[in-house]
Amino acid sequence: MTRVQGWAKRKDRHPVSIDATVHRSDGTKADVTLTNFSDEGCRIEADEVFRIGERVQIAIPRMGHVKAQVRWSHPGSAGAKFLIESDF
């Protein structure tokens, strides 16, 4: 695959299937499956619709709560970038 100028290389993704819970800013929760995991983010698969720019907390077994921001969204899935404390 040829990258176009200005394209930022993504971190390596790890194919996983992790059941998790997304806590939304309105107080609701969504059961999700996390896939394509990296140290910078993950893919969220769910019946929910997520808004681009939405800030969430993801409860991941054995990792605790991770703050993230939705970067892209399609019906049935979304991409989240993990945030450091100063980003949230």
Protein backbone atom coordinates (compact mmCIF):
# COMPACT_ATOMS: atom_id res chain seq x y z
CA MET A 1 0.00 0.00 0.00
CA THR A 2 1.35 3.43 -0.91
CA ARG A 3 0.82 6.25 1.59
CA VAL A 4 0.04 9.75 0.43
CA GLN A 5 2.10 12.73 1.54
CA GLY A 6 1.07 13.93 4.99
CA TRP A 7 -0.28 10.52 6.02
CA ALA A 8 0.56 9.73 9.65
CA LYS A 9 1.67 6.16 10.23
CA ARG A 10 -0.61 4.29 12.64
CA LYS A 11 0.68 2.27 15.54
CA ASP A 12 0.62 -1.50 15.14
CA ARG A 13 -2.84 -2.92 15.84
CA HIS A 14 -3.38 -6.15 17.74
CA PRO A 15 -6.37 -8.29 16.78
CA VAL A 16 -8.29 -8.89 20.00
CA SER A 17 -11.85 -9.38 21.15
CA ILE A 18 -12.34 -7.82 24.59
CA ASP A 19 -15.74 -7.35 26.20
CA ALA A 20 -15.86 -3.91 27.83
CA THR A 21 -18.27 -1.19 28.95
CA VAL A 22 -18.30 2.36 27.60
CA HIS A 23 -19.41 5.02 30.10
CA ARG A 24 -20.80 8.03 28.26
CA SER A 25 -20.86 11.64 29.47
CA ASP A 26 -24.67 11.57 29.75
CA GLY A 27 -24.39 8.80 32.37
CA THR A 28 -25.45 5.92 30.12
CA LYS A 29 -23.42 2.77 29.61
CA ALA A 30 -22.97 0.55 26.57
CA ASP A 31 -21.68 -3.01 26.45
CA VAL A 32 -19.14 -3.20 23.62
CA THR A 33 -16.42 -5.36 22.13
CA LEU A 34 -12.98 -3.83 21.63
CA THR A 35 -10.92 -4.91 18.62
CA ASN A 36 -7.82 -3.67 16.76
CA PHE A 37 -6.13 -2.64 20.00
CA SER A 38 -2.97 -0.49 20.12
CA ASP A 39 -1.28 1.60 22.79
CA GLU A 40 -3.01 4.68 21.33
CA GLY A 41 -6.56 3.46 20.76
CA CYS A 42 -8.96 0.77 19.67
CA ARG A 43 -11.95 -0.08 17.54
CA ILE A 44 -15.29 -0.27 19.38
CA GLU A 45 -17.94 -2.64 18.06
CA ALA A 46 -21.44 -2.06 19.44
CA ASP A 47 -25.10 -1.60 18.62
CA GLU A 48 -24.70 1.99 19.86
CA VAL A 49 -24.05 5.05 17.69
CA PHE A 50 -21.10 7.15 18.86
CA ARG A 51 -20.55 10.79 17.92
CA ILE A 52 -17.22 11.91 16.48
CA GLY A 53 -15.49 13.94 19.18
CA GLU A 54 -17.46 12.29 22.00
CA ARG A 55 -15.39 11.72 25.14
CA VAL A 56 -15.96 8.46 26.96
CA GLN A 57 -14.48 6.22 29.62
CA ILE A 58 -13.96 2.59 28.68
CA ALA A 59 -14.00 0.01 31.50
CA ILE A 60 -11.58 -2.68 30.35
CA PRO A 61 -11.18 -5.86 32.43
CA ARG A 62 -7.81 -6.00 34.27
CA MET A 63 -6.95 -2.49 33.01
CA GLY A 64 -9.53 -0.33 34.74
CA HIS A 65 -11.11 2.78 33.23
CA VAL A 66 -9.42 4.38 30.22
CA LYS A 67 -10.42 7.81 28.94
CA ALA A 68 -10.87 8.10 25.19
CA GLN A 69 -12.26 10.24 22.39
CA VAL A 70 -14.22 8.93 19.40
CA ARG A 71 -12.26 9.76 16.23
CA TRP A 72 -14.50 8.10 13.64
CA SER A 73 -17.90 6.42 13.70
CA HIS A 74 -19.94 4.13 11.45
CA PRO A 75 -23.08 2.13 12.19
CA GLY A 76 -21.93 -0.74 14.42
CA SER A 77 -18.40 0.50 15.09
CA ALA A 78 -16.25 3.44 16.07
CA GLY A 79 -12.58 4.28 16.53
CA ALA A 80 -11.37 5.64 19.84
CA LYS A 81 -8.09 7.37 20.70
CA PHE A 82 -6.93 6.95 24.29
CA LEU A 83 -6.41 10.25 26.09
CA ILE A 84 -3.88 11.31 28.67
CA GLU A 85 -5.23 13.16 31.70
CA SER A 86 -4.39 16.62 30.30
CA ASP A 87 -6.41 15.87 27.11
CA PHE A 88 -9.60 15.13 29.00
